[in-house]
PDB file of N, CA and C in Angstrom:
ATOM      1  N   MET A   1     -21.187   6.677  34.106  1.00  0.00           N
ATOM      2  CA  MET A   1     -21.793   6.924  35.454  1.00  0.00           C
ATOM      3  C   MET A   1     -22.134   5.630  36.089  1.00  0.00           C
ATOM      4  N   VAL A   2     -22.774   4.694  35.353  1.00  0.00           N
ATOM      5  CA  VAL A   2     -23.283   3.536  36.137  1.00  0.00           C
ATOM      6  C   VAL A   2     -22.071   2.964  36.858  1.00  0.00           C
ATOM      7  N   LEU A   3     -21.011   2.894  36.259  1.00  0.00           N
ATOM      8  CA  LEU A   3     -19.790   2.366  36.936  1.00  0.00           C
ATOM      9  C   LEU A   3     -19.252   2.755  38.168  1.00  0.00           C
ATOM     10  N   PHE A   4     -19.497   4.126  38.293  1.00  0.00           N
ATOM     11  CA  PHE A   4     -19.174   4.934  39.419  1.00  0.00           C
ATOM     12  C   PHE A   4     -20.182   4.821  40.490  1.00  0.00           C
ATOM     13  N   LYS A   5     -21.346   4.585  40.139  1.00  0.00           N
ATOM     14  CA  LYS A   5     -22.537   4.234  40.999  1.00  0.00           C
ATOM     15  C   LYS A   5     -22.429   2.643  41.780  1.00  0.00           C
ATOM     16  N   GLU A   6     -21.933   1.896  40.634  1.00  0.00           N
ATOM     17  CA  GLU A   6     -21.682   0.595  41.310  1.00  0.00           C
ATOM     18  C   GLU A   6     -20.415   0.581  42.202  1.00  0.00           C
ATOM     19  N   LEU A   7     -19.317   1.204  41.795  1.00  0.00           N
ATOM     20  CA  LEU A   7     -18.172   1.113  42.467  1.00  0.00           C
ATOM     21  C   LEU A   7     -18.334   1.955  44.018  1.00  0.00           C
ATOM     22  N   PHE A   8     -18.980   3.073  43.904  1.00  0.00           N
ATOM     23  CA  PHE A   8     -19.152   3.760  45.245  1.00  0.00           C
ATOM     24  C   PHE A   8     -20.345   3.373  45.960  1.00  0.00           C
ATOM     25  N   GLY A   9     -21.468   2.762  45.387  1.00  0.00           N
ATOM     26  CA  GLY A   9     -22.679   2.736  45.909  1.00  0.00           C
ATOM     27  C   GLY A   9     -22.855   1.253  46.505  1.00  0.00           C
ATOM     28  N   THR A  10     -22.316   0.247  46.115  1.00  0.00           N
ATOM     29  CA  THR A  10     -22.577  -1.129  46.549  1.00  0.00           C
ATOM     30  C   THR A  10     -21.446  -1.627  47.487  1.00  0.00           C
ATOM     31  N   PHE A  11     -21.731  -2.467  48.546  1.00  0.00           N
ATOM     32  CA  PHE A  11     -20.678  -2.856  49.269  1.00  0.00           C
ATOM     33  C   PHE A  11     -19.633  -3.646  48.545  1.00  0.00           C
ATOM     34  N   ALA A  12     -19.786  -4.259  47.515  1.00  0.00           N
ATOM     35  CA  ALA A  12     -18.761  -5.215  46.638  1.00  0.00           C
ATOM     36  C   ALA A  12     -18.155  -4.146  46.006  1.00  0.00           C
ATOM     37  N   GLY A  13     -18.418  -3.232  45.360  1.00  0.00           N
ATOM     38  CA  GLY A  13     -17.831  -2.000  44.728  1.00  0.00           C
ATOM     39  C   GLY A  13     -16.972  -1.336  45.724  1.00  0.00           C
ATOM     40  N   GLN A  14     -17.364  -1.198  47.078  1.00  0.00           N
ATOM     41  CA  GLN A  14     -16.464  -0.513  47.927  1.00  0.00           C
ATOM     42  C   GLN A  14     -15.386  -1.379  48.499  1.00  0.00           C
ATOM     43  N   LEU A  15     -15.487  -2.515  48.405  1.00  0.00           N
ATOM     44  CA  LEU A  15     -14.529  -3.604  48.842  1.00  0.00           C
ATOM     45  C   LEU A  15     -13.564  -3.692  47.727  1.00  0.00           C
ATOM     46  N   SER A  16     -13.916  -3.549  46.463  1.00  0.00           N
ATOM     47  CA  SER A  16     -12.888  -3.543  45.278  1.00  0.00           C
ATOM     48  C   SER A  16     -12.184  -2.352  45.274  1.00  0.00           C
ATOM     49  N   LEU A  17     -12.915  -1.201  45.613  1.00  0.00           N
ATOM     50  CA  LEU A  17     -12.016   0.064  45.836  1.00  0.00           C
ATOM     51  C   LEU A  17     -10.936  -0.080  46.887  1.00  0.00           C
ATOM     52  N   ALA A  18     -11.475  -0.475  47.980  1.00  0.00           N
ATOM     53  CA  ALA A  18     -10.456  -0.761  48.776  1.00  0.00           C
ATOM     54  C   ALA A  18      -9.224  -1.592  48.565  1.00  0.00           C
ATOM     55  N   VAL A  19      -9.599  -2.714  47.795  1.00  0.00           N
ATOM     56  CA  VAL A  19      -8.462  -3.606  47.654  1.00  0.00           C
ATOM     57  C   VAL A  19      -7.558  -3.057  46.454  1.00  0.00           C
ATOM     58  N   ILE A  20      -8.126  -2.330  45.459  1.00  0.00           N
ATOM     59  CA  ILE A  20      -7.218  -1.530  44.455  1.00  0.00           C
ATOM     60  C   ILE A  20      -6.481  -0.597  45.254  1.00  0.00           C
ATOM     61  N   LEU A  21      -6.918   0.123  46.213  1.00  0.00           N
ATOM     62  CA  LEU A  21      -6.079   1.106  46.830  1.00  0.00           C
ATOM     63  C   LEU A  21      -4.877   0.430  47.582  1.00  0.00           C
ATOM     64  N   PHE A  22      -5.307  -0.506  48.364  1.00  0.00           N
ATOM     65  CA  PHE A  22      -4.276  -1.378  49.152  1.00  0.00           C
ATOM     66  C   PHE A  22      -3.235  -1.856  48.383  1.00  0.00           C
ATOM     67  N   ILE A  23      -3.498  -2.322  47.289  1.00  0.00           N
ATOM     68  CA  ILE A  23      -2.585  -2.996  46.251  1.00  0.00           C
ATOM     69  C   ILE A  23      -1.753  -1.823  45.736  1.00  0.00           C
ATOM     70  N   ILE A  24      -2.209  -0.698  45.330  1.00  0.00           N
ATOM     71  CA  ILE A  24      -1.415   0.352  44.980  1.00  0.00           C
ATOM     72  C   ILE A  24      -0.291   0.803  46.021  1.00  0.00           C
ATOM     73  N   GLY A  25      -1.024   0.817  47.209  1.00  0.00           N
ATOM     74  CA  GLY A  25      -0.035   1.316  48.270  1.00  0.00           C
ATOM     75  C   GLY A  25       1.013   0.243  48.626  1.00  0.00           C
ATOM     76  N   MET A  26       0.558  -0.822  48.610  1.00  0.00           N
ATOM     77  CA  MET A  26       1.621  -1.919  48.719  1.00  0.00           C
ATOM     78  C   MET A  26       2.705  -1.900  47.701  1.00  0.00           C
ATOM     79  N   ALA A  27       2.413  -1.896  46.602  1.00  0.00           N
ATOM     80  CA  ALA A  27       3.306  -1.418  45.464  1.00  0.00           C
ATOM     81  C   ALA A  27       4.201  -0.266  45.685  1.00  0.00           C
ATOM     82  N   ILE A  28       3.860   0.898  46.077  1.00  0.00           N
ATOM     83  CA  ILE A  28       4.575   1.851  46.503  1.00  0.00           C
ATOM     84  C   ILE A  28       5.563   1.597  47.575  1.00  0.00           C
ATOM     85  N   PHE A  29       5.057   0.971  48.720  1.00  0.00           N
ATOM     86  CA  PHE A  29       5.823   0.566  49.682  1.00  0.00           C
ATOM     87  C   PHE A  29       7.184  -0.218  49.347  1.00  0.00           C
ATOM     88  N   PHE A  30       6.757  -1.438  48.491  1.00  0.00           N
ATOM     89  CA  PHE A  30       7.716  -2.273  47.933  1.00  0.00           C
ATOM     90  C   PHE A  30       8.801  -1.766  47.189  1.00  0.00           C
ATOM     91  N   VAL A  31       8.392  -0.784  46.253  1.00  0.00           N
ATOM     92  CA  VAL A  31       9.306  -0.077  45.324  1.00  0.00           C
ATOM     93  C   VAL A  31      10.263   0.676  45.997  1.00  0.00           C
ATOM     94  N   ARG A  32       9.690   1.451  47.199  1.00  0.00           N
ATOM     95  CA  ARG A  32      10.527   2.359  47.870  1.00  0.00           C
ATOM     96  C   ARG A  32      11.593   1.605  48.814  1.00  0.00           C
ATOM     97  N   MET A  33      11.024   0.363  49.450  1.00  0.00           N
ATOM     98  CA  MET A  33      12.007  -0.457  50.142  1.00  0.00           C
ATOM     99  C   MET A  33      12.992  -1.171  49.556  1.00  0.00           C
ATOM    100  N   PHE A  34      12.622  -1.698  48.171  1.00  0.00           N
ATOM    101  CA  PHE A  34      13.541  -2.259  47.369  1.00  0.00           C
ATOM    102  C   PHE A  34      14.740  -1.233  46.765  1.00  0.00           C
ATOM    103  N   LEU A  35      14.360  -0.215  46.589  1.00  0.00           N
ATOM    104  CA  LEU A  35      15.379   1.053  46.085  1.00  0.00           C
ATOM    105  C   LEU A  35      16.256   1.294  47.237  1.00  0.00           C
ATOM    106  N   LYS A  36      15.717   1.391  48.467  1.00  0.00           N
ATOM    107  CA  LYS A  36      16.550   1.758  49.580  1.00  0.00           C
ATOM    108  C   LYS A  36      17.502   0.578  49.948  1.00  0.00           C
ATOM    109  N   LYS A  37      17.111  -0.511  49.634  1.00  0.00           N
ATOM    110  CA  LYS A  37      17.924  -1.789  50.112  1.00  0.00           C
ATOM    111  C   LYS A  37      19.095  -1.887  48.926  1.00  0.00           C
ATOM    112  N   ILE A  38      18.736  -1.545  47.645  1.00  0.00           N
ATOM    113  CA  ILE A  38      19.632  -1.529  46.539  1.00  0.00           C
ATOM    114  C   ILE A  38      20.761  -0.336  46.723  1.00  0.00           C
ATOM    115  N   ALA A  39      20.267   0.630  47.253  1.00  0.00           N
ATOM    116  CA  ALA A  39      21.114   1.788  47.401  1.00  0.00           C
ATOM    117  C   ALA A  39      22.156   1.646  48.568  1.00  0.00           C
ATOM    118  N   ALA A  40      21.555   1.009  49.707  1.00  0.00           N
ATOM    119  CA  ALA A  40      22.527   0.555  50.747  1.00  0.00           C
ATOM    120  C   ALA A  40      23.344  -0.353  50.232  1.00  0.00           C
ATOM    121  N   GLY A  41      23.063  -1.389  49.650  1.00  0.00           N
ATOM    122  CA  GLY A  41      24.069  -2.474  49.098  1.00  0.00           C
ATOM    123  C   GLY A  41      25.172  -2.104  48.271  1.00  0.00           C
ATOM    124  N   GLU A  42      25.031  -0.912  47.714  1.00  0.00           N
ATOM    125  CA  GLU A  42      26.099  -0.489  46.861  1.00  0.00           C
ATOM    126  C   GLU A  42      27.224   0.298  47.555  1.00  0.00           C
TER     127      GLU A  42
END
């Protein structure tokens, strides 16, 4: 529970959470884009 308090309670924790979510979103975007480009190339 201390971990979640630190993650959601402090500014540094909220920035870390935002960066993690941004990186996950970017990974999903790139995977979809690459799969679309591969399918269009065939």
